[in-house]
Amino acid sequence: MAVLLLATSACGGAPAAQNPPAARNTAPLYDLLPDKQKRAGKIMVGSDISYAPMEYYDTDGTTVLGFDKELGDALGRRLGVPFEFGNASFDGLVTALKSGRIDLVMSGMSDTKERQQRVDFVDYYTAGAMLLVRKGNPDNLRSLADLCGRTVAVQRATTQESYARNQSESCVRQGGQKIEILSFDRETEALLQVKQGRAAAGLEDYPVATYNARTSGGGNDFEVAGEQINAGPLGIAVAKDNTALRNAVQRALQEVMASGEYTKLIDKWGIPAGALTSATVNAGT
């Protein structure tokens, strides 16, 4: 009976419904993506979304804005899948990446030799740390050495926290007082300590410090002091065993740079001092 039914189906009646073939993804670099991201139809990005102007929430509390977000959108258009940003504390991002819960980290993360032991970086910007002080610089701070015996506020697990600790040790070795370091999960929490006078200064990446100086309180709350400290590359972090994704992101970034779109984003967000002209891998020292 089964054979007869099959024959009948083959010879007459309405043809069986068929699913239309899936449309081919025509993005220029789609073929470079690993199968995992092709199947998922997106790239999961881990980010501490409280680091304006790199990434931050709009007033609705859900829409992600910032240079990193728009750069991710541009990369996604070339790779053929969107970059989907998810919020997490900065000190947990590398762990989430290594465990496979996210595909990339885009969070103003400094590419350093120490971090390169755990992840790879596609470098997209250069920045150093800067002192952010209250408007008028009441303590006349100009350098890390000026922080001896004072209180500084930083975000936990950042290079800025490391700079403050190293400087504190140097202060003591030279017969001075240690630096009191206040560390927080969010940059916004550290910033509040400076604004309210509980810390003499904050340490932030150049684009973040200058953005806060321009915008907080209509430009009346803060100012930057001194020069950039230990300027180096910021990178998009990728798991070390995922070289295919790393290479795809690097290729996409190079195309965004070559097209002029990167420069437009740099200008839009007012962060020209750290622009790069090529997408390097693990260039941090």
C-alpha atoms as a PDB file:
ATOM      1  CA  MET A   1       0.000   0.000   0.000  1.00  0.00           C
ATOM      2  CA  ALA A   2       2.810   2.344   0.786  1.00  0.00           C
ATOM      3  CA  VAL A   3       4.320   1.730  -2.650  1.00  0.00           C
ATOM      4  CA  LEU A   4       0.979   2.422  -4.362  1.00  0.00           C
ATOM      5  CA  LEU A   5       0.506   5.663  -2.469  1.00  0.00           C
ATOM      6  CA  LEU A   6       3.977   6.818  -3.395  1.00  0.00           C
ATOM      7  CA  ALA A   7       3.334   6.039  -7.055  1.00  0.00           C
ATOM      8  CA  THR A   8       0.050   7.928  -7.014  1.00  0.00           C
ATOM      9  CA  SER A   9       1.694  10.901  -5.428  1.00  0.00           C
ATOM     10  CA  ALA A  10       4.407  10.886  -8.053  1.00  0.00           C
ATOM     11  CA  CYS A  11       2.061  10.609 -11.036  1.00  0.00           C
ATOM     12  CA  GLY A  12      -0.847  12.921 -10.282  1.00  0.00           C
ATOM     13  CA  GLY A  13      -2.421  15.449  -7.981  1.00  0.00           C
ATOM     14  CA  ALA A  14      -1.002  18.696  -6.676  1.00  0.00           C
ATOM     15  CA  PRO A  15       2.753  18.729  -6.166  1.00  0.00           C
ATOM     16  CA  ALA A  16       3.969  18.638  -2.594  1.00  0.00           C
ATOM     17  CA  ALA A  17       4.682  22.052  -1.103  1.00  0.00           C
ATOM     18  CA  GLN A  18       8.359  22.916  -0.985  1.00  0.00           C
ATOM     19  CA  ASN A  19      10.181  25.515   1.046  1.00  0.00           C
ATOM     20  CA  PRO A  20      11.727  28.167  -1.164  1.00  0.00           C
ATOM     21  CA  PRO A  21      15.523  28.110  -1.173  1.00  0.00           C
ATOM     22  CA  ALA A  22      17.132  30.430   1.333  1.00  0.00           C
ATOM     23  CA  ALA A  23      18.330  33.684  -0.161  1.00  0.00           C
ATOM     24  CA  ARG A  24      22.095  33.775  -0.559  1.00  0.00           C
ATOM     25  CA  ASN A  25      23.845  36.269   1.697  1.00  0.00           C
ATOM     26  CA  THR A  26      25.516  38.696  -0.671  1.00  0.00           C
ATOM     27  CA  ALA A  27      27.526  40.674   1.890  1.00  0.00           C
ATOM     28  CA  PRO A  28      31.061  41.035   0.500  1.00  0.00           C
ATOM     29  CA  LEU A  29      32.832  39.195   3.338  1.00  0.00           C
ATOM     30  CA  TYR A  30      30.140  36.737   4.415  1.00  0.00           C
ATOM     31  CA  ASP A  31      32.097  33.738   3.167  1.00  0.00           C
ATOM     32  CA  LEU A  32      34.885  34.539   5.622  1.00  0.00           C
ATOM     33  CA  LEU A  33      32.635  33.993   8.646  1.00  0.00           C
ATOM     34  CA  PRO A  34      32.894  30.752  10.652  1.00  0.00           C
ATOM     35  CA  ASP A  35      29.885  28.429  10.426  1.00  0.00           C
ATOM     36  CA  LYS A  36      28.863  29.181  14.025  1.00  0.00           C
ATOM     37  CA  GLN A  37      28.174  32.836  13.272  1.00  0.00           C
ATOM     38  CA  LYS A  38      26.524  31.990   9.945  1.00  0.00           C
ATOM     39  CA  ARG A  39      24.122  29.606  11.674  1.00  0.00           C
ATOM     40  CA  ALA A  40      23.396  32.078  14.458  1.00  0.00           C
ATOM     41  CA  GLY A  41      22.807  34.891  11.972  1.00  0.00           C
ATOM     42  CA  LYS A  42      24.546  37.359  14.293  1.00  0.00           C
ATOM     43  CA  ILE A  43      27.729  38.085  16.183  1.00  0.00           C
ATOM     44  CA  MET A  44      27.307  38.387  19.936  1.00  0.00           C
ATOM     45  CA  VAL A  45      29.340  41.286  21.336  1.00  0.00           C
ATOM     46  CA  GLY A  46      30.094  41.685  25.020  1.00  0.00           C
ATOM     47  CA  SER A  47      30.434  45.264  26.226  1.00  0.00           C
ATOM     48  CA  ASP A  48      30.276  47.368  29.358  1.00  0.00           C
ATOM     49  CA  ILE A  49      27.670  49.773  28.017  1.00  0.00           C
ATOM     50  CA  SER A  50      28.491  52.664  30.325  1.00  0.00           C
ATOM     51  CA  TYR A  51      31.586  54.072  28.631  1.00  0.00           C
ATOM     52  CA  ALA A  52      30.517  57.049  26.551  1.00  0.00           C
ATOM     53  CA  PRO A  53      31.349  57.914  23.842  1.00  0.00           C
ATOM     54  CA  MET A  54      32.501  54.365  23.032  1.00  0.00           C
ATOM     55  CA  GLU A  55      29.257  52.657  24.083  1.00  0.00           C
ATOM     56  CA  TYR A  56      26.378  53.801  26.262  1.00  0.00           C
ATOM     57  CA  TYR A  57      22.606  53.623  26.544  1.00  0.00           C
ATOM     58  CA  ASP A  58      20.270  56.231  25.129  1.00  0.00           C
ATOM     59  CA  THR A  59      17.748  57.831  27.454  1.00  0.00           C
ATOM     60  CA  ASP A  60      15.340  54.916  26.890  1.00  0.00           C
ATOM     61  CA  GLY A  61      17.772  52.620  28.708  1.00  0.00           C
ATOM     62  CA  THR A  62      17.793  50.014  25.927  1.00  0.00           C
ATOM     63  CA  THR A  63      19.132  51.577  22.712  1.00  0.00           C
ATOM     64  CA  VAL A  64      22.912  51.289  22.481  1.00  0.00           C
ATOM     65  CA  LEU A  65      24.784  54.309  21.136  1.00  0.00           C
ATOM     66  CA  GLY A  66      28.443  55.159  20.652  1.00  0.00           C
ATOM     67  CA  PHE A  67      31.488  54.862  18.439  1.00  0.00           C
ATOM     68  CA  ASP A  68      32.006  51.140  19.107  1.00  0.00           C
ATOM     69  CA  LYS A  69      28.341  50.404  18.384  1.00  0.00           C
ATOM     70  CA  GLU A  70      28.358  52.251  15.062  1.00  0.00           C
ATOM     71  CA  LEU A  71      31.680  50.705  14.102  1.00  0.00           C
ATOM     72  CA  GLY A  72      30.179  47.299  14.897  1.00  0.00           C
ATOM     73  CA  ASP A  73      27.218  48.116  12.657  1.00  0.00           C
ATOM     74  CA  ALA A  74      29.609  48.956   9.806  1.00  0.00           C
ATOM     75  CA  LEU A  75      31.549  45.724  10.307  1.00  0.00           C
ATOM     76  CA  GLY A  76      28.312  43.740  10.389  1.00  0.00           C
ATOM     77  CA  ARG A  77      27.189  45.150   7.061  1.00  0.00           C
ATOM     78  CA  ARG A  78      30.356  43.862   5.417  1.00  0.00           C
ATOM     79  CA  LEU A  79      30.224  40.479   7.137  1.00  0.00           C
ATOM     80  CA  GLY A  80      26.522  39.998   6.461  1.00  0.00           C
ATOM     81  CA  VAL A  81      25.343  39.495  10.045  1.00  0.00           C
ATOM     82  CA  PRO A  82      24.510  42.114  12.689  1.00  0.00           C
ATOM     83  CA  PHE A  83      26.675  42.779  15.734  1.00  0.00           C
ATOM     84  CA  GLU A  84      24.374  42.340  18.741  1.00  0.00           C
ATOM     85  CA  PHE A  85      25.648  44.163  21.830  1.00  0.00           C
ATOM     86  CA  GLY A  86      25.014  42.717  25.288  1.00  0.00           C
ATOM     87  CA  ASN A  87      25.828  44.468  28.557  1.00  0.00           C
ATOM     88  CA  ALA A  88      28.227  43.003  31.136  1.00  0.00           C
ATOM     89  CA  SER A  89      30.670  44.219  33.764  1.00  0.00           C
ATOM     90  CA  PHE A  90      34.073  44.986  32.272  1.00  0.00           C
ATOM     91  CA  ASP A  91      35.985  42.596  34.525  1.00  0.00           C
ATOM     92  CA  GLY A  92      33.911  39.629  33.313  1.00  0.00           C
ATOM     93  CA  LEU A  93      34.163  40.207  29.561  1.00  0.00           C
ATOM     94  CA  VAL A  94      37.282  38.144  28.840  1.00  0.00           C
ATOM     95  CA  THR A  95      35.924  35.232  30.875  1.00  0.00           C
ATOM     96  CA  ALA A  96      32.651  35.353  28.922  1.00  0.00           C
ATOM     97  CA  LEU A  97      34.607  35.385  25.662  1.00  0.00           C
ATOM     98  CA  LYS A  98      36.798  32.435  26.591  1.00  0.00           C
ATOM     99  CA  SER A  99      33.753  30.420  27.683  1.00  0.00           C
ATOM    100  CA  GLY A 100      32.024  30.989  24.330  1.00  0.00           C
ATOM    101  CA  ARG A 101      29.073  32.948  25.721  1.00  0.00           C
ATOM    102  CA  ILE A 102      29.997  35.850  23.436  1.00  0.00           C
ATOM    103  CA  ASP A 103      31.875  36.028  20.139  1.00  0.00           C
ATOM    104  CA  LEU A 104      33.704  39.346  20.552  1.00  0.00           C
ATOM    105  CA  VAL A 105      34.445  42.076  23.062  1.00  0.00           C
ATOM    106  CA  MET A 106      34.026  45.699  21.952  1.00  0.00           C
ATOM    107  CA  SER A 107      34.363  47.843  25.038  1.00  0.00           C
ATOM    108  CA  GLY A 108      37.264  50.261  24.693  1.00  0.00           C
ATOM    109  CA  MET A 109      39.559  47.440  25.848  1.00  0.00           C
ATOM    110  CA  SER A 110      43.288  48.137  25.773  1.00  0.00           C
ATOM    111  CA  ASP A 111      45.357  45.634  23.804  1.00  0.00           C
ATOM    112  CA  THR A 112      48.176  44.701  26.204  1.00  0.00           C
ATOM    113  CA  LYS A 113      50.744  41.901  26.253  1.00  0.00           C
ATOM    114  CA  GLU A 114      49.194  40.591  29.444  1.00  0.00           C
ATOM    115  CA  ARG A 115      45.738  40.313  27.869  1.00  0.00           C
ATOM    116  CA  GLN A 116      47.219  38.811  24.704  1.00  0.00           C
ATOM    117  CA  GLN A 117      48.054  35.732  26.772  1.00  0.00           C
ATOM    118  CA  ARG A 118      44.320  35.073  26.980  1.00  0.00           C
ATOM    119  CA  VAL A 119      42.754  36.609  23.831  1.00  0.00           C
ATOM    120  CA  ASP A 120      43.659  38.092  20.454  1.00  0.00           C
ATOM    121  CA  PHE A 121      42.939  41.681  19.474  1.00  0.00           C
ATOM    122  CA  VAL A 122      41.982  43.392  16.233  1.00  0.00           C
ATOM    123  CA  ASP A 123      43.148  46.935  16.932  1.00  0.00           C
ATOM    124  CA  TYR A 124      40.907  49.820  15.872  1.00  0.00           C
ATOM    125  CA  TYR A 125      41.916  52.904  17.881  1.00  0.00           C
ATOM    126  CA  THR A 126      44.754  54.317  20.008  1.00  0.00           C
ATOM    127  CA  ALA A 127      44.247  55.857  23.434  1.00  0.00           C
ATOM    128  CA  GLY A 128      46.093  56.520  26.650  1.00  0.00           C
ATOM    129  CA  ALA A 129      44.818  57.230  30.115  1.00  0.00           C
ATOM    130  CA  MET A 130      44.042  60.783  31.164  1.00  0.00           C
ATOM    131  CA  LEU A 131      43.422  62.468  34.464  1.00  0.00           C
ATOM    132  CA  LEU A 132      39.888  63.796  34.764  1.00  0.00           C
ATOM    133  CA  VAL A 133      39.499  66.401  37.517  1.00  0.00           C
ATOM    134  CA  ARG A 134      36.872  68.830  38.701  1.00  0.00           C
ATOM    135  CA  LYS A 135      36.510  72.004  36.672  1.00  0.00           C
ATOM    136  CA  GLY A 136      39.277  74.443  37.513  1.00  0.00           C
ATOM    137  CA  ASN A 137      41.614  71.619  38.607  1.00  0.00           C
ATOM    138  CA  PRO A 138      41.542  72.699  42.287  1.00  0.00           C
ATOM    139  CA  ASP A 139      44.417  70.377  43.253  1.00  0.00           C
ATOM    140  CA  ASN A 140      46.575  71.425  40.282  1.00  0.00           C
ATOM    141  CA  LEU A 141      47.112  67.841  39.116  1.00  0.00           C
ATOM    142  CA  ARG A 142      49.186  67.269  35.968  1.00  0.00           C
ATOM    143  CA  SER A 143      50.573  63.732  36.160  1.00  0.00           C
ATOM    144  CA  LEU A 144      50.272  60.395  37.922  1.00  0.00           C
ATOM    145  CA  ALA A 145      53.014  61.451  40.330  1.00  0.00           C
ATOM    146  CA  ASP A 146      50.785  64.281  41.540  1.00  0.00           C
ATOM    147  CA  LEU A 147      48.344  61.684  42.903  1.00  0.00           C
ATOM    148  CA  CYS A 148      50.664  60.594  45.735  1.00  0.00           C
ATOM    149  CA  GLY A 149      48.735  60.943  48.994  1.00  0.00           C
ATOM    150  CA  ARG A 150      45.437  61.581  47.169  1.00  0.00           C
ATOM    151  CA  THR A 151      42.410  59.531  46.182  1.00  0.00           C
ATOM    152  CA  VAL A 152      41.738  58.398  42.606  1.00  0.00           C
ATOM    153  CA  ALA A 153      38.620  56.694  41.241  1.00  0.00           C
ATOM    154  CA  VAL A 154      38.872  54.042  38.505  1.00  0.00           C
ATOM    155  CA  GLN A 155      36.932  51.259  36.874  1.00  0.00           C
ATOM    156  CA  ARG A 156      37.820  47.805  38.130  1.00  0.00           C
ATOM    157  CA  ALA A 157      40.093  45.520  36.013  1.00  0.00           C
ATOM    158  CA  THR A 158      41.129  48.327  33.646  1.00  0.00           C
ATOM    159  CA  THR A 159      44.616  49.417  32.675  1.00  0.00           C
ATOM    160  CA  GLN A 160      43.862  52.645  34.541  1.00  0.00           C
ATOM    161  CA  GLU A 161      43.517  50.692  37.776  1.00  0.00           C
ATOM    162  CA  SER A 162      46.909  49.090  37.079  1.00  0.00           C
ATOM    163  CA  TYR A 163      48.517  52.485  36.418  1.00  0.00           C
ATOM    164  CA  ALA A 164      47.182  53.802  39.719  1.00  0.00           C
ATOM    165  CA  ARG A 165      48.456  50.785  41.652  1.00  0.00           C
ATOM    166  CA  ASN A 166      51.898  50.970  40.061  1.00  0.00           C
ATOM    167  CA  GLN A 167      52.129  54.695  40.747  1.00  0.00           C
ATOM    168  CA  SER A 168      51.054  54.176  44.355  1.00  0.00           C
ATOM    169  CA  GLU A 169      53.915  51.711  44.839  1.00  0.00           C
ATOM    170  CA  SER A 170      56.283  54.221  43.258  1.00  0.00           C
ATOM    171  CA  CYS A 171      55.054  56.942  45.616  1.00  0.00           C
ATOM    172  CA  VAL A 172      55.870  54.773  48.643  1.00  0.00           C
ATOM    173  CA  ARG A 173      59.285  53.707  47.292  1.00  0.00           C
ATOM    174  CA  GLN A 174      60.194  57.367  46.929  1.00  0.00           C
ATOM    175  CA  GLY A 175      59.176  58.158  50.500  1.00  0.00           C
ATOM    176  CA  GLY A 176      55.764  59.590  49.726  1.00  0.00           C
ATOM    177  CA  GLN A 177      52.239  58.556  50.640  1.00  0.00           C
ATOM    178  CA  LYS A 178      50.330  55.849  48.801  1.00  0.00           C
ATOM    179  CA  ILE A 179      47.422  56.609  46.505  1.00  0.00           C
ATOM    180  CA  GLU A 180      43.999  55.685  47.839  1.00  0.00           C
ATOM    181  CA  ILE A 181      42.337  53.817  44.967  1.00  0.00           C
ATOM    182  CA  LEU A 182      38.551  53.549  44.711  1.00  0.00           C
ATOM    183  CA  SER A 183      37.592  50.837  42.192  1.00  0.00           C
ATOM    184  CA  PHE A 184      34.094  50.374  40.780  1.00  0.00           C
ATOM    185  CA  ASP A 185      32.329  48.045  38.354  1.00  0.00           C
ATOM    186  CA  ARG A 186      31.125  50.953  36.203  1.00  0.00           C
ATOM    187  CA  GLU A 187      32.981  53.979  34.916  1.00  0.00           C
ATOM    188  CA  THR A 188      29.966  56.109  35.760  1.00  0.00           C
ATOM    189  CA  GLU A 189      30.334  55.153  39.432  1.00  0.00           C
ATOM    190  CA  ALA A 190      33.984  56.207  39.433  1.00  0.00           C
ATOM    191  CA  LEU A 191      33.085  59.477  37.724  1.00  0.00           C
ATOM    192  CA  LEU A 192      30.584  60.281  40.447  1.00  0.00           C
ATOM    193  CA  GLN A 193      33.338  60.130  43.089  1.00  0.00           C
ATOM    194  CA  VAL A 194      35.229  62.910  41.308  1.00  0.00           C
ATOM    195  CA  LYS A 195      32.133  65.012  40.772  1.00  0.00           C
ATOM    196  CA  GLN A 196      31.182  64.804  44.452  1.00  0.00           C
ATOM    197  CA  GLY A 197      34.715  65.488  45.688  1.00  0.00           C
ATOM    198  CA  ARG A 198      35.397  62.068  47.205  1.00  0.00           C
ATOM    199  CA  ALA A 199      38.260  61.564  44.750  1.00  0.00           C
ATOM    200  CA  ALA A 200      40.762  64.140  43.549  1.00  0.00           C
ATOM    201  CA  ALA A 201      40.769  62.645  40.049  1.00  0.00           C
ATOM    202  CA  GLY A 202      39.566  59.859  37.854  1.00  0.00           C
ATOM    203  CA  LEU A 203      41.623  57.939  35.314  1.00  0.00           C
ATOM    204  CA  GLU A 204      39.895  57.251  32.003  1.00  0.00           C
ATOM    205  CA  ASP A 205      40.789  56.524  28.392  1.00  0.00           C
ATOM    206  CA  TYR A 206      41.384  59.672  26.336  1.00  0.00           C
ATOM    207  CA  PRO A 207      38.101  59.575  24.364  1.00  0.00           C
ATOM    208  CA  VAL A 208      36.041  58.964  27.498  1.00  0.00           C
ATOM    209  CA  ALA A 209      37.788  61.638  29.564  1.00  0.00           C
ATOM    210  CA  THR A 210      37.490  64.285  26.854  1.00  0.00           C
ATOM    211  CA  TYR A 211      33.844  63.359  26.198  1.00  0.00           C
ATOM    212  CA  ASN A 212      32.967  63.702  29.882  1.00  0.00           C
ATOM    213  CA  ALA A 213      34.818  67.019  30.090  1.00  0.00           C
ATOM    214  CA  ARG A 214      32.824  68.311  27.080  1.00  0.00           C
ATOM    215  CA  THR A 215      29.394  67.067  28.080  1.00  0.00           C
ATOM    216  CA  SER A 216      28.955  66.560  31.830  1.00  0.00           C
ATOM    217  CA  GLY A 217      27.062  69.450  33.339  1.00  0.00           C
ATOM    218  CA  GLY A 218      27.188  71.253  30.017  1.00  0.00           C
ATOM    219  CA  GLY A 219      30.975  71.177  30.191  1.00  0.00           C
ATOM    220  CA  ASN A 220      31.058  72.702  33.679  1.00  0.00           C
ATOM    221  CA  ASP A 221      31.778  69.615  35.815  1.00  0.00           C
ATOM    222  CA  PHE A 222      35.182  68.373  34.680  1.00  0.00           C
ATOM    223  CA  GLU A 223      38.340  69.042  32.728  1.00  0.00           C
ATOM    224  CA  VAL A 224      41.219  66.869  31.581  1.00  0.00           C
ATOM    225  CA  ALA A 225      44.647  67.444  33.095  1.00  0.00           C
ATOM    226  CA  GLY A 226      48.099  66.752  31.693  1.00  0.00           C
ATOM    227  CA  GLU A 227      48.921  64.523  28.726  1.00  0.00           C
ATOM    228  CA  GLN A 228      47.849  61.034  27.695  1.00  0.00           C
ATOM    229  CA  ILE A 229      49.541  58.309  29.734  1.00  0.00           C
ATOM    230  CA  ASN A 230      50.921  55.194  28.021  1.00  0.00           C
ATOM    231  CA  ALA A 231      48.946  55.575  24.802  1.00  0.00           C
ATOM    232  CA  GLY A 232      48.389  52.259  23.032  1.00  0.00           C
ATOM    233  CA  PRO A 233      45.859  50.407  20.893  1.00  0.00           C
ATOM    234  CA  LEU A 234      42.315  49.554  21.830  1.00  0.00           C
ATOM    235  CA  GLY A 235      41.203  46.268  20.349  1.00  0.00           C
ATOM    236  CA  ILE A 236      38.239  44.080  19.490  1.00  0.00           C
ATOM    237  CA  ALA A 237      38.932  40.950  21.547  1.00  0.00           C
ATOM    238  CA  VAL A 238      38.502  37.505  19.963  1.00  0.00           C
ATOM    239  CA  ALA A 239      39.083  34.053  21.453  1.00  0.00           C
ATOM    240  CA  LYS A 240      42.577  32.796  20.628  1.00  0.00           C
ATOM    241  CA  ASP A 241      41.204  29.595  19.099  1.00  0.00           C
ATOM    242  CA  ASN A 242      38.922  31.517  16.724  1.00  0.00           C
ATOM    243  CA  THR A 243      41.402  32.815  14.172  1.00  0.00           C
ATOM    244  CA  ALA A 244      38.822  32.601  11.370  1.00  0.00           C
ATOM    245  CA  LEU A 245      36.549  35.109  13.092  1.00  0.00           C
ATOM    246  CA  ARG A 246      39.518  37.283  14.042  1.00  0.00           C
ATOM    247  CA  ASN A 247      40.710  37.397  10.435  1.00  0.00           C
ATOM    248  CA  ALA A 248      37.211  38.133   9.149  1.00  0.00           C
ATOM    249  CA  VAL A 249      36.823  41.045  11.566  1.00  0.00           C
ATOM    250  CA  GLN A 250      40.260  42.373  10.666  1.00  0.00           C
ATOM    251  CA  ARG A 251      39.429  42.252   6.958  1.00  0.00           C
ATOM    252  CA  ALA A 252      36.086  43.993   7.542  1.00  0.00           C
ATOM    253  CA  LEU A 253      37.721  46.685   9.660  1.00  0.00           C
ATOM    254  CA  GLN A 254      40.347  47.342   7.020  1.00  0.00           C
ATOM    255  CA  GLU A 255      37.607  47.817   4.431  1.00  0.00           C
ATOM    256  CA  VAL A 256      35.688  50.196   6.713  1.00  0.00           C
ATOM    257  CA  MET A 257      38.882  52.215   7.148  1.00  0.00           C
ATOM    258  CA  ALA A 258      39.671  52.250   3.437  1.00  0.00           C
ATOM    259  CA  SER A 259      36.130  53.326   2.525  1.00  0.00           C
ATOM    260  CA  GLY A 260      36.278  56.506   4.593  1.00  0.00           C
ATOM    261  CA  GLU A 261      33.413  55.378   6.831  1.00  0.00           C
ATOM    262  CA  TYR A 262      35.800  54.946   9.779  1.00  0.00           C
ATOM    263  CA  THR A 263      36.983  58.557   9.491  1.00  0.00           C
ATOM    264  CA  LYS A 264      33.394  59.781   9.393  1.00  0.00           C
ATOM    265  CA  LEU A 265      32.666  57.945  12.653  1.00  0.00           C
ATOM    266  CA  ILE A 266      35.828  59.336  14.243  1.00  0.00           C
ATOM    267  CA  ASP A 267      34.720  62.859  13.308  1.00  0.00           C
ATOM    268  CA  LYS A 268      31.121  62.278  14.377  1.00  0.00           C
ATOM    269  CA  TRP A 269      32.153  61.209  17.871  1.00  0.00           C
ATOM    270  CA  GLY A 270      34.854  63.865  18.240  1.00  0.00           C
ATOM    271  CA  ILE A 271      37.787  61.530  18.965  1.00  0.00           C
ATOM    272  CA  PRO A 272      40.363  62.329  16.251  1.00  0.00           C
ATOM    273  CA  ALA A 273      43.568  61.929  18.261  1.00  0.00           C
ATOM    274  CA  GLY A 274      43.439  58.125  18.302  1.00  0.00           C
ATOM    275  CA  ALA A 275      42.442  57.302  14.721  1.00  0.00           C
ATOM    276  CA  LEU A 276      44.295  54.472  12.968  1.00  0.00           C
ATOM    277  CA  THR A 277      44.882  53.914   9.266  1.00  0.00           C
ATOM    278  CA  SER A 278      45.215  50.125   9.287  1.00  0.00           C
ATOM    279  CA  ALA A 279      43.681  47.229  11.200  1.00  0.00           C
ATOM    280  CA  THR A 280      46.484  45.506  13.084  1.00  0.00           C
ATOM    281  CA  VAL A 281      46.432  42.362  15.230  1.00  0.00           C
ATOM    282  CA  ASN A 282      47.947  42.237  18.728  1.00  0.00           C
ATOM    283  CA  ALA A 283      49.940  45.456  18.272  1.00  0.00           C
ATOM    284  CA  GLY A 284      49.833  46.288  21.979  1.00  0.00           C
ATOM    285  CA  THR A 285      53.003  46.225  24.034  1.00  0.00           C
END
